[in-house]
Amino acid sequence: MAVISAWPLPEGIKSVEVNGYPMAYQESGSGTPLVLVHGSMNDYRCWNLQIPAFTAHYRVLAVSLRHYFPEPWDGQGDDFSIPQHADRPEARPSVSCETIGKFRFPNLMLTGETSPDRFGQMLRAMRDCLPGSVGEPTIIPNAAHGMNRDNPKAFNAAVLAHLQHYALTHMY
């Protein structure tokens, strides 16, 4: 249910109340929902190169987390933290295998061809914690940490192939 935001929203952007906070989001497409959540230095706009490809198959919701654009935040207050975004008391920058093992959804591990080696190492460690995970992380050619922007065509293809495989293997 859309709510009125306390600040102006760009054209086509909606907001919904989440834990008493108006969260901005962009919505397009129809069908099964696909929620895109940005990283710490972005907002919903970081998915602009994915939305056209994904809306052909999904109802895409690209959200902006608390205190990210379009909110004009002044940096004041104590409600901006990793646990607040994750809404989990155990959330912290270094997450244990025990915590990762609690996830029960399909996972796709992506890394960029030119990303630092530690990214691939981190993904392999996470893979080893996830029940049912197999294989190496998918490598997006000619891309680094911002692989969805560096090589959007390869990124989009990898994500769509993963989602299609999951749908085919989990049909009733």
N, C-alpha and C. Protein backbone atom coordinates (compact mmCIF):
# COMPACT_ATOMS: atom_id res chain seq x y z
N MET A 1 0.84 -1.18 0.00
CA MET A 1 0.00 0.00 0.00
C MET A 1 0.89 1.24 0.00
N ALA A 2 0.75 2.08 -0.98
CA ALA A 2 1.56 3.28 -1.09
C ALA A 2 1.17 4.27 0.01
N VAL A 3 2.16 5.00 0.50
CA VAL A 3 1.94 6.03 1.49
C VAL A 3 2.51 7.34 0.97
N ILE A 4 2.08 8.42 1.57
CA ILE A 4 2.61 9.73 1.19
C ILE A 4 3.94 9.92 1.90
N SER A 5 4.94 10.29 1.12
CA SER A 5 6.29 10.48 1.66
C SER A 5 6.40 11.84 2.34
N ALA A 6 7.31 11.94 3.29
CA ALA A 6 7.57 13.19 3.99
C ALA A 6 8.43 14.13 3.15
N TRP A 7 8.93 13.67 2.01
CA TRP A 7 9.76 14.48 1.12
C TRP A 7 9.30 14.24 -0.31
N PRO A 8 9.68 15.15 -1.20
CA PRO A 8 9.25 14.99 -2.60
C PRO A 8 9.85 13.73 -3.23
N LEU A 9 9.05 13.05 -4.03
CA LEU A 9 9.50 11.87 -4.75
C LEU A 9 9.62 12.18 -6.23
N PRO A 10 10.65 11.67 -6.89
CA PRO A 10 10.74 11.85 -8.34
C PRO A 10 9.54 11.22 -9.04
N GLU A 11 9.27 11.66 -10.23
CA GLU A 11 8.15 11.11 -11.00
C GLU A 11 8.30 9.60 -11.16
N GLY A 12 7.21 8.88 -10.92
CA GLY A 12 7.21 7.44 -11.07
C GLY A 12 7.69 6.67 -9.85
N ILE A 13 8.12 7.36 -8.81
CA ILE A 13 8.60 6.70 -7.59
C ILE A 13 7.49 6.72 -6.55
N LYS A 14 7.32 5.59 -5.88
CA LYS A 14 6.29 5.44 -4.85
C LYS A 14 6.97 5.27 -3.51
N SER A 15 6.18 5.24 -2.46
CA SER A 15 6.73 4.89 -1.15
C SER A 15 5.73 4.01 -0.41
N VAL A 16 6.29 3.20 0.49
CA VAL A 16 5.48 2.31 1.31
C VAL A 16 6.06 2.38 2.72
N GLU A 17 5.21 2.29 3.72
CA GLU A 17 5.69 2.35 5.10
C GLU A 17 6.26 1.00 5.51
N VAL A 18 7.51 1.02 5.97
CA VAL A 18 8.19 -0.17 6.45
C VAL A 18 8.77 0.17 7.82
N ASN A 19 8.27 -0.49 8.85
CA ASN A 19 8.71 -0.23 10.23
C ASN A 19 8.60 1.26 10.58
N GLY A 20 7.49 1.89 10.18
CA GLY A 20 7.24 3.28 10.50
C GLY A 20 8.03 4.27 9.66
N TYR A 21 8.62 3.81 8.59
CA TYR A 21 9.47 4.65 7.75
C TYR A 21 8.98 4.59 6.31
N PRO A 22 8.85 5.74 5.62
CA PRO A 22 8.42 5.70 4.22
C PRO A 22 9.58 5.30 3.30
N MET A 23 9.55 4.07 2.79
CA MET A 23 10.61 3.57 1.90
C MET A 23 10.23 3.85 0.45
N ALA A 24 11.11 4.54 -0.26
CA ALA A 24 10.88 4.84 -1.67
C ALA A 24 11.21 3.62 -2.52
N TYR A 25 10.45 3.43 -3.60
CA TYR A 25 10.73 2.33 -4.51
C TYR A 25 10.21 2.64 -5.91
N GLN A 26 10.81 1.98 -6.88
CA GLN A 26 10.38 2.06 -8.26
C GLN A 26 9.78 0.71 -8.61
N GLU A 27 8.62 0.73 -9.26
CA GLU A 27 7.93 -0.52 -9.59
C GLU A 27 7.60 -0.55 -11.07
N SER A 28 7.87 -1.68 -11.70
CA SER A 28 7.50 -1.84 -13.10
C SER A 28 7.38 -3.32 -13.43
N GLY A 29 6.70 -3.62 -14.53
CA GLY A 29 6.50 -5.01 -14.92
C GLY A 29 5.33 -5.63 -14.20
N SER A 30 5.16 -6.93 -14.45
CA SER A 30 4.07 -7.66 -13.79
C SER A 30 4.51 -9.10 -13.61
N GLY A 31 3.77 -9.81 -12.78
CA GLY A 31 4.06 -11.21 -12.53
C GLY A 31 4.71 -11.40 -11.18
N THR A 32 5.57 -12.39 -11.10
CA THR A 32 6.26 -12.72 -9.85
C THR A 32 7.14 -11.55 -9.42
N PRO A 33 7.06 -11.13 -8.15
CA PRO A 33 7.89 -10.01 -7.71
C PRO A 33 9.38 -10.37 -7.67
N LEU A 34 10.20 -9.43 -8.08
CA LEU A 34 11.65 -9.51 -7.99
C LEU A 34 12.10 -8.23 -7.32
N VAL A 35 12.61 -8.33 -6.10
CA VAL A 35 13.00 -7.16 -5.33
C VAL A 35 14.50 -6.94 -5.48
N LEU A 36 14.89 -5.73 -5.88
CA LEU A 36 16.29 -5.37 -6.06
C LEU A 36 16.68 -4.41 -4.93
N VAL A 37 17.69 -4.79 -4.17
CA VAL A 37 18.15 -4.00 -3.03
C VAL A 37 19.57 -3.53 -3.32
N HIS A 38 19.79 -2.24 -3.20
CA HIS A 38 21.09 -1.65 -3.51
C HIS A 38 22.11 -1.89 -2.39
N GLY A 39 23.37 -1.61 -2.71
CA GLY A 39 24.45 -1.69 -1.73
C GLY A 39 24.59 -0.39 -0.96
N SER A 40 25.64 -0.29 -0.18
CA SER A 40 25.80 0.83 0.75
C SER A 40 26.09 2.16 0.10
N MET A 41 26.54 2.20 -1.12
CA MET A 41 26.87 3.47 -1.75
C MET A 41 25.93 3.80 -2.92
N ASN A 42 24.74 3.22 -2.94
CA ASN A 42 23.82 3.40 -4.04
C ASN A 42 22.42 3.70 -3.55
N ASP A 43 21.46 3.67 -4.46
CA ASP A 43 20.04 3.75 -4.14
C ASP A 43 19.30 3.03 -5.27
N TYR A 44 17.98 3.15 -5.33
CA TYR A 44 17.20 2.39 -6.31
C TYR A 44 17.67 2.63 -7.74
N ARG A 45 18.30 3.76 -8.02
CA ARG A 45 18.71 4.10 -9.39
C ARG A 45 19.85 3.23 -9.90
N CYS A 46 20.56 2.53 -9.01
CA CYS A 46 21.68 1.69 -9.47
C CYS A 46 21.20 0.53 -10.32
N TRP A 47 19.89 0.24 -10.32
CA TRP A 47 19.33 -0.88 -11.07
C TRP A 47 18.74 -0.45 -12.41
N ASN A 48 18.97 0.78 -12.83
CA ASN A 48 18.36 1.28 -14.07
C ASN A 48 18.72 0.44 -15.29
N LEU A 49 19.89 -0.19 -15.31
CA LEU A 49 20.29 -1.00 -16.46
C LEU A 49 19.74 -2.43 -16.38
N GLN A 50 19.13 -2.80 -15.26
CA GLN A 50 18.56 -4.14 -15.11
C GLN A 50 17.04 -4.12 -15.29
N ILE A 51 16.41 -3.07 -14.89
CA ILE A 51 14.94 -3.03 -14.86
C ILE A 51 14.32 -3.36 -16.22
N PRO A 52 14.77 -2.78 -17.34
CA PRO A 52 14.13 -3.14 -18.62
C PRO A 52 14.23 -4.64 -18.94
N ALA A 53 15.35 -5.25 -18.66
CA ALA A 53 15.51 -6.69 -18.95
C ALA A 53 14.65 -7.54 -18.02
N PHE A 54 14.55 -7.15 -16.76
CA PHE A 54 13.83 -7.96 -15.78
C PHE A 54 12.31 -7.79 -15.86
N THR A 55 11.84 -6.60 -16.28
CA THR A 55 10.39 -6.38 -16.30
C THR A 55 9.70 -7.17 -17.40
N ALA A 56 10.45 -7.70 -18.34
CA ALA A 56 9.84 -8.56 -19.35
C ALA A 56 9.33 -9.86 -18.73
N HIS A 57 9.84 -10.21 -17.55
CA HIS A 57 9.51 -11.48 -16.91
C HIS A 57 8.95 -11.35 -15.49
N TYR A 58 9.19 -10.21 -14.85
CA TYR A 58 8.88 -10.06 -13.42
C TYR A 58 8.26 -8.70 -13.11
N ARG A 59 7.62 -8.64 -11.97
CA ARG A 59 7.22 -7.36 -11.37
C ARG A 59 8.43 -6.91 -10.55
N VAL A 60 9.13 -5.91 -11.03
CA VAL A 60 10.40 -5.48 -10.42
C VAL A 60 10.16 -4.33 -9.46
N LEU A 61 10.68 -4.49 -8.24
CA LEU A 61 10.61 -3.46 -7.22
C LEU A 61 12.05 -3.13 -6.83
N ALA A 62 12.50 -1.93 -7.19
CA ALA A 62 13.84 -1.47 -6.82
C ALA A 62 13.68 -0.48 -5.67
N VAL A 63 14.18 -0.83 -4.50
CA VAL A 63 13.95 -0.03 -3.30
C VAL A 63 15.15 0.86 -2.97
N SER A 64 14.86 1.93 -2.22
CA SER A 64 15.90 2.75 -1.60
C SER A 64 15.76 2.58 -0.10
N LEU A 65 16.81 2.12 0.53
CA LEU A 65 16.78 1.89 1.96
C LEU A 65 16.74 3.21 2.74
N ARG A 66 16.53 3.09 4.02
CA ARG A 66 16.43 4.24 4.93
C ARG A 66 17.61 5.20 4.75
N HIS A 67 17.31 6.47 4.58
CA HIS A 67 18.27 7.58 4.47
C HIS A 67 19.03 7.62 3.15
N TYR A 68 18.56 6.90 2.14
CA TYR A 68 19.15 6.99 0.81
C TYR A 68 18.22 7.81 -0.08
N PHE A 69 18.77 8.30 -1.20
CA PHE A 69 17.97 9.08 -2.15
C PHE A 69 16.66 8.35 -2.42
N PRO A 70 15.56 9.06 -2.47
CA PRO A 70 15.39 10.50 -2.58
C PRO A 70 15.24 11.24 -1.25
N GLU A 71 15.45 10.54 -0.13
CA GLU A 71 15.34 11.23 1.16
C GLU A 71 16.47 12.25 1.32
N PRO A 72 16.15 13.47 1.68
CA PRO A 72 17.19 14.48 1.92
C PRO A 72 17.70 14.39 3.36
N TRP A 73 18.43 13.33 3.69
CA TRP A 73 18.88 13.09 5.06
C TRP A 73 20.04 13.99 5.41
N ASP A 74 20.05 14.53 6.64
CA ASP A 74 21.10 15.43 7.09
C ASP A 74 22.20 14.73 7.89
N GLY A 75 22.15 13.41 7.99
CA GLY A 75 23.17 12.66 8.72
C GLY A 75 22.96 12.61 10.22
N GLN A 76 21.88 13.19 10.70
CA GLN A 76 21.60 13.21 12.13
C GLN A 76 20.78 11.98 12.52
N GLY A 77 20.90 11.58 13.78
CA GLY A 77 20.10 10.47 14.30
C GLY A 77 20.93 9.21 14.46
N ASP A 78 20.31 8.22 15.10
CA ASP A 78 21.02 6.96 15.36
C ASP A 78 20.31 5.77 14.71
N ASP A 79 19.56 6.03 13.64
CA ASP A 79 18.81 4.95 13.00
C ASP A 79 19.38 4.57 11.63
N PHE A 80 20.68 4.68 11.49
CA PHE A 80 21.33 4.32 10.23
C PHE A 80 22.47 3.37 10.53
N SER A 81 22.21 2.07 10.36
CA SER A 81 23.22 1.06 10.67
C SER A 81 22.94 -0.20 9.87
N ILE A 82 23.91 -1.07 9.79
CA ILE A 82 23.72 -2.35 9.10
C ILE A 82 22.59 -3.15 9.75
N PRO A 83 22.56 -3.29 11.09
CA PRO A 83 21.44 -4.03 11.68
C PRO A 83 20.07 -3.40 11.37
N GLN A 84 20.01 -2.06 11.32
CA GLN A 84 18.74 -1.40 11.00
C GLN A 84 18.30 -1.77 9.59
N HIS A 85 19.23 -1.76 8.63
CA HIS A 85 18.88 -2.12 7.26
C HIS A 85 18.50 -3.57 7.15
N ALA A 86 19.23 -4.42 7.83
CA ALA A 86 18.97 -5.86 7.74
C ALA A 86 17.80 -6.29 8.61
N ASP A 87 17.46 -5.46 9.62
CA ASP A 87 16.39 -5.77 10.56
C ASP A 87 16.64 -7.10 11.25
N ARG A 88 17.92 -7.37 11.54
CA ARG A 88 18.31 -8.59 12.25
C ARG A 88 19.31 -8.20 13.32
N PRO A 89 19.10 -8.55 14.58
CA PRO A 89 20.06 -8.21 15.64
C PRO A 89 21.44 -8.78 15.39
N GLU A 90 21.53 -9.93 14.71
CA GLU A 90 22.83 -10.56 14.53
C GLU A 90 23.59 -10.03 13.31
N ALA A 91 22.96 -9.11 12.54
CA ALA A 91 23.62 -8.61 11.34
C ALA A 91 24.86 -7.79 11.71
N ARG A 92 25.94 -8.08 11.05
CA ARG A 92 27.17 -7.32 11.24
C ARG A 92 28.01 -7.48 9.99
N PRO A 93 29.01 -6.59 9.79
CA PRO A 93 29.79 -6.66 8.56
C PRO A 93 30.42 -8.02 8.31
N SER A 94 30.85 -8.73 9.35
CA SER A 94 31.43 -10.05 9.18
C SER A 94 30.41 -11.07 9.67
N VAL A 95 29.80 -11.79 8.74
CA VAL A 95 28.71 -12.70 9.08
C VAL A 95 29.23 -14.12 9.16
N SER A 96 28.78 -14.86 10.17
CA SER A 96 29.26 -16.22 10.39
C SER A 96 28.55 -17.23 9.49
N CYS A 97 29.15 -18.42 9.38
CA CYS A 97 28.53 -19.52 8.63
C CYS A 97 27.19 -19.88 9.27
N GLU A 98 27.11 -19.80 10.57
CA GLU A 98 25.86 -20.12 11.26
C GLU A 98 24.74 -19.20 10.77
N THR A 99 25.03 -17.91 10.65
CA THR A 99 24.03 -16.96 10.19
C THR A 99 23.71 -17.19 8.73
N ILE A 100 24.72 -17.35 7.88
CA ILE A 100 24.51 -17.56 6.45
C ILE A 100 23.71 -18.84 6.23
N GLY A 101 23.97 -19.88 7.01
CA GLY A 101 23.28 -21.16 6.86
C GLY A 101 21.79 -21.09 7.13
N LYS A 102 21.32 -20.00 7.74
CA LYS A 102 19.90 -19.84 8.02
C LYS A 102 19.11 -19.41 6.78
N PHE A 103 19.81 -18.91 5.75
CA PHE A 103 19.12 -18.49 4.54
C PHE A 103 18.55 -19.70 3.82
N ARG A 104 17.30 -19.60 3.41
CA ARG A 104 16.63 -20.71 2.73
C ARG A 104 15.98 -20.20 1.45
N PHE A 105 16.80 -19.70 0.54
CA PHE A 105 16.31 -19.25 -0.75
C PHE A 105 17.38 -19.54 -1.78
N PRO A 106 16.99 -19.54 -3.06
CA PRO A 106 18.00 -19.82 -4.09
C PRO A 106 19.07 -18.74 -4.07
N ASN A 107 20.31 -19.14 -4.26
CA ASN A 107 21.38 -18.15 -4.23
C ASN A 107 22.15 -18.18 -5.53
N LEU A 108 22.58 -17.01 -5.93
CA LEU A 108 23.40 -16.85 -7.12
C LEU A 108 24.60 -16.01 -6.71
N MET A 109 25.77 -16.57 -6.83
CA MET A 109 26.99 -15.88 -6.44
C MET A 109 27.63 -15.29 -7.69
N LEU A 110 27.69 -13.96 -7.74
CA LEU A 110 28.26 -13.27 -8.89
C LEU A 110 29.48 -12.47 -8.45
N THR A 111 30.51 -12.48 -9.28
CA THR A 111 31.66 -11.62 -9.06
C THR A 111 32.15 -11.13 -10.40
N GLY A 112 32.81 -9.99 -10.40
CA GLY A 112 33.34 -9.43 -11.64
C GLY A 112 34.71 -10.00 -11.95
N GLU A 113 35.00 -10.13 -13.23
CA GLU A 113 36.29 -10.67 -13.68
C GLU A 113 37.46 -9.87 -13.12
N THR A 114 37.28 -8.56 -12.98
CA THR A 114 38.35 -7.71 -12.48
C THR A 114 38.16 -7.29 -11.02
N SER A 115 37.24 -7.94 -10.33
CA SER A 115 37.06 -7.66 -8.90
C SER A 115 38.28 -8.15 -8.13
N PRO A 116 38.58 -7.54 -6.98
CA PRO A 116 39.69 -8.04 -6.17
C PRO A 116 39.50 -9.52 -5.81
N ASP A 117 40.59 -10.27 -5.70
CA ASP A 117 40.53 -11.70 -5.38
C ASP A 117 39.73 -11.97 -4.12
N ARG A 118 39.76 -11.05 -3.16
CA ARG A 118 39.06 -11.29 -1.90
C ARG A 118 37.55 -11.45 -2.11
N PHE A 119 36.99 -10.84 -3.17
CA PHE A 119 35.56 -10.98 -3.42
C PHE A 119 35.22 -12.42 -3.76
N GLY A 120 36.00 -13.03 -4.66
CA GLY A 120 35.78 -14.43 -5.02
C GLY A 120 35.99 -15.34 -3.82
N GLN A 121 37.00 -15.05 -3.00
CA GLN A 121 37.26 -15.85 -1.80
C GLN A 121 36.08 -15.75 -0.84
N MET A 122 35.55 -14.53 -0.68
CA MET A 122 34.41 -14.32 0.21
C MET A 122 33.19 -15.10 -0.30
N LEU A 123 32.95 -15.05 -1.61
CA LEU A 123 31.79 -15.75 -2.17
C LEU A 123 31.92 -17.26 -2.03
N ARG A 124 33.14 -17.80 -2.23
CA ARG A 124 33.34 -19.24 -2.06
C ARG A 124 33.11 -19.64 -0.60
N ALA A 125 33.56 -18.80 0.34
CA ALA A 125 33.33 -19.09 1.76
C ALA A 125 31.83 -19.07 2.07
N MET A 126 31.11 -18.10 1.52
CA MET A 126 29.66 -18.04 1.72
C MET A 126 29.00 -19.27 1.10
N ARG A 127 29.43 -19.65 -0.11
CA ARG A 127 28.86 -20.82 -0.79
C ARG A 127 29.01 -22.05 0.08
N ASP A 128 30.16 -22.20 0.72
CA ASP A 128 30.41 -23.37 1.56
C ASP A 128 29.49 -23.41 2.78
N CYS A 129 28.92 -22.27 3.15
CA CYS A 129 28.01 -22.20 4.30
C CYS A 129 26.56 -22.46 3.92
N LEU A 130 26.23 -22.36 2.64
CA LEU A 130 24.84 -22.46 2.21
C LEU A 130 24.48 -23.88 1.83
N PRO A 131 23.46 -24.44 2.43
CA PRO A 131 23.03 -25.79 2.08
C PRO A 131 22.63 -25.87 0.61
N GLY A 132 23.10 -26.87 -0.08
CA GLY A 132 22.72 -27.07 -1.47
C GLY A 132 23.48 -26.26 -2.48
N SER A 133 24.42 -25.42 -2.05
CA SER A 133 25.19 -24.61 -2.99
C SER A 133 26.26 -25.47 -3.63
N VAL A 134 26.45 -25.28 -4.91
CA VAL A 134 27.47 -26.03 -5.64
C VAL A 134 28.17 -25.10 -6.61
N GLY A 135 29.38 -25.47 -7.00
CA GLY A 135 30.09 -24.77 -8.06
C GLY A 135 30.74 -23.47 -7.63
N GLU A 136 31.42 -22.90 -8.57
CA GLU A 136 32.12 -21.65 -8.35
C GLU A 136 31.18 -20.47 -8.58
N PRO A 137 31.52 -19.29 -8.05
CA PRO A 137 30.72 -18.11 -8.36
C PRO A 137 30.73 -17.84 -9.87
N THR A 138 29.63 -17.32 -10.38
CA THR A 138 29.56 -16.92 -11.78
C THR A 138 30.40 -15.67 -11.96
N ILE A 139 31.26 -15.68 -12.96
CA ILE A 139 32.15 -14.54 -13.21
C ILE A 139 31.58 -13.71 -14.35
N ILE A 140 31.36 -12.43 -14.10
CA ILE A 140 30.86 -11.52 -15.11
C ILE A 140 32.07 -10.90 -15.82
N PRO A 141 32.24 -11.17 -17.13
CA PRO A 141 33.41 -10.68 -17.84
C PRO A 141 33.44 -9.14 -17.92
N ASN A 142 34.65 -8.61 -17.98
CA ASN A 142 34.87 -7.17 -18.14
C ASN A 142 34.12 -6.36 -17.09
N ALA A 143 34.13 -6.84 -15.86
CA ALA A 143 33.39 -6.15 -14.80
C ALA A 143 34.14 -6.27 -13.49
N ALA A 144 33.88 -5.32 -12.62
CA ALA A 144 34.45 -5.32 -11.28
C ALA A 144 33.31 -5.39 -10.27
N HIS A 145 33.48 -4.77 -9.12
CA HIS A 145 32.49 -4.84 -8.06
C HIS A 145 31.13 -4.31 -8.52
N GLY A 146 31.11 -3.28 -9.35
CA GLY A 146 29.86 -2.73 -9.88
C GLY A 146 29.45 -3.42 -11.16
N MET A 147 29.46 -4.75 -11.13
CA MET A 147 29.28 -5.53 -12.36
C MET A 147 27.94 -5.28 -13.05
N ASN A 148 26.90 -4.90 -12.30
CA ASN A 148 25.62 -4.63 -12.94
C ASN A 148 25.69 -3.38 -13.80
N ARG A 149 26.65 -2.50 -13.54
CA ARG A 149 26.87 -1.31 -14.38
C ARG A 149 28.00 -1.55 -15.39
N ASP A 150 29.05 -2.28 -14.97
CA ASP A 150 30.21 -2.51 -15.85
C ASP A 150 29.85 -3.36 -17.07
N ASN A 151 29.07 -4.41 -16.86
CA ASN A 151 28.68 -5.29 -17.95
C ASN A 151 27.24 -5.73 -17.72
N PRO A 152 26.29 -4.79 -17.93
CA PRO A 152 24.90 -5.11 -17.61
C PRO A 152 24.33 -6.26 -18.42
N LYS A 153 24.74 -6.41 -19.67
CA LYS A 153 24.20 -7.49 -20.50
C LYS A 153 24.54 -8.86 -19.89
N ALA A 154 25.80 -9.07 -19.51
CA ALA A 154 26.22 -10.35 -18.92
C ALA A 154 25.58 -10.53 -17.55
N PHE A 155 25.54 -9.46 -16.76
CA PHE A 155 24.92 -9.53 -15.43
C PHE A 155 23.45 -9.92 -15.55
N ASN A 156 22.71 -9.23 -16.42
CA ASN A 156 21.28 -9.51 -16.59
C ASN A 156 21.06 -10.94 -17.05
N ALA A 157 21.88 -11.40 -18.01
CA ALA A 157 21.74 -12.77 -18.52
C ALA A 157 21.97 -13.79 -17.42
N ALA A 158 22.98 -13.57 -16.57
CA ALA A 158 23.28 -14.51 -15.49
C ALA A 158 22.13 -14.56 -14.48
N VAL A 159 21.60 -13.41 -14.13
CA VAL A 159 20.50 -13.37 -13.17
C VAL A 159 19.25 -14.03 -13.76
N LEU A 160 18.90 -13.69 -14.98
CA LEU A 160 17.71 -14.27 -15.60
C LEU A 160 17.85 -15.78 -15.78
N ALA A 161 19.03 -16.25 -16.17
CA ALA A 161 19.24 -17.70 -16.32
C ALA A 161 19.07 -18.40 -14.97
N HIS A 162 19.60 -17.79 -13.91
CA HIS A 162 19.46 -18.38 -12.58
C HIS A 162 17.99 -18.44 -12.16
N LEU A 163 17.27 -17.35 -12.36
CA LEU A 163 15.86 -17.32 -11.97
C LEU A 163 15.04 -18.31 -12.79
N GLN A 164 15.34 -18.44 -14.07
CA GLN A 164 14.63 -19.39 -14.91
C GLN A 164 14.92 -20.83 -14.46
N HIS A 165 16.18 -21.11 -14.17
CA HIS A 165 16.55 -22.45 -13.69
C HIS A 165 15.82 -22.75 -12.38
N TYR A 166 15.79 -21.80 -11.48
CA TYR A 166 15.11 -22.01 -10.20
C TYR A 166 13.63 -22.29 -10.43
N ALA A 167 13.00 -21.50 -11.31
CA ALA A 167 11.56 -21.69 -11.57
C ALA A 167 11.31 -23.07 -12.18
N LEU A 168 12.16 -23.51 -13.09
CA LEU A 168 11.97 -24.82 -13.73
C LEU A 168 12.19 -25.98 -12.77
N THR A 169 13.14 -25.82 -11.84
CA THR A 169 13.44 -26.90 -10.92
C THR A 169 12.55 -26.92 -9.69
N HIS A 170 11.69 -25.90 -9.53
CA HIS A 170 10.80 -25.84 -8.37
C HIS A 170 9.34 -25.73 -8.78
N MET A 171 9.01 -26.25 -9.96
CA MET A 171 7.61 -26.25 -10.39
C MET A 171 6.85 -27.31 -9.62
N TYR A 172 5.57 -27.05 -9.43
CA TYR A 172 4.74 -28.01 -8.69
C TYR A 172 4.05 -28.95 -9.63
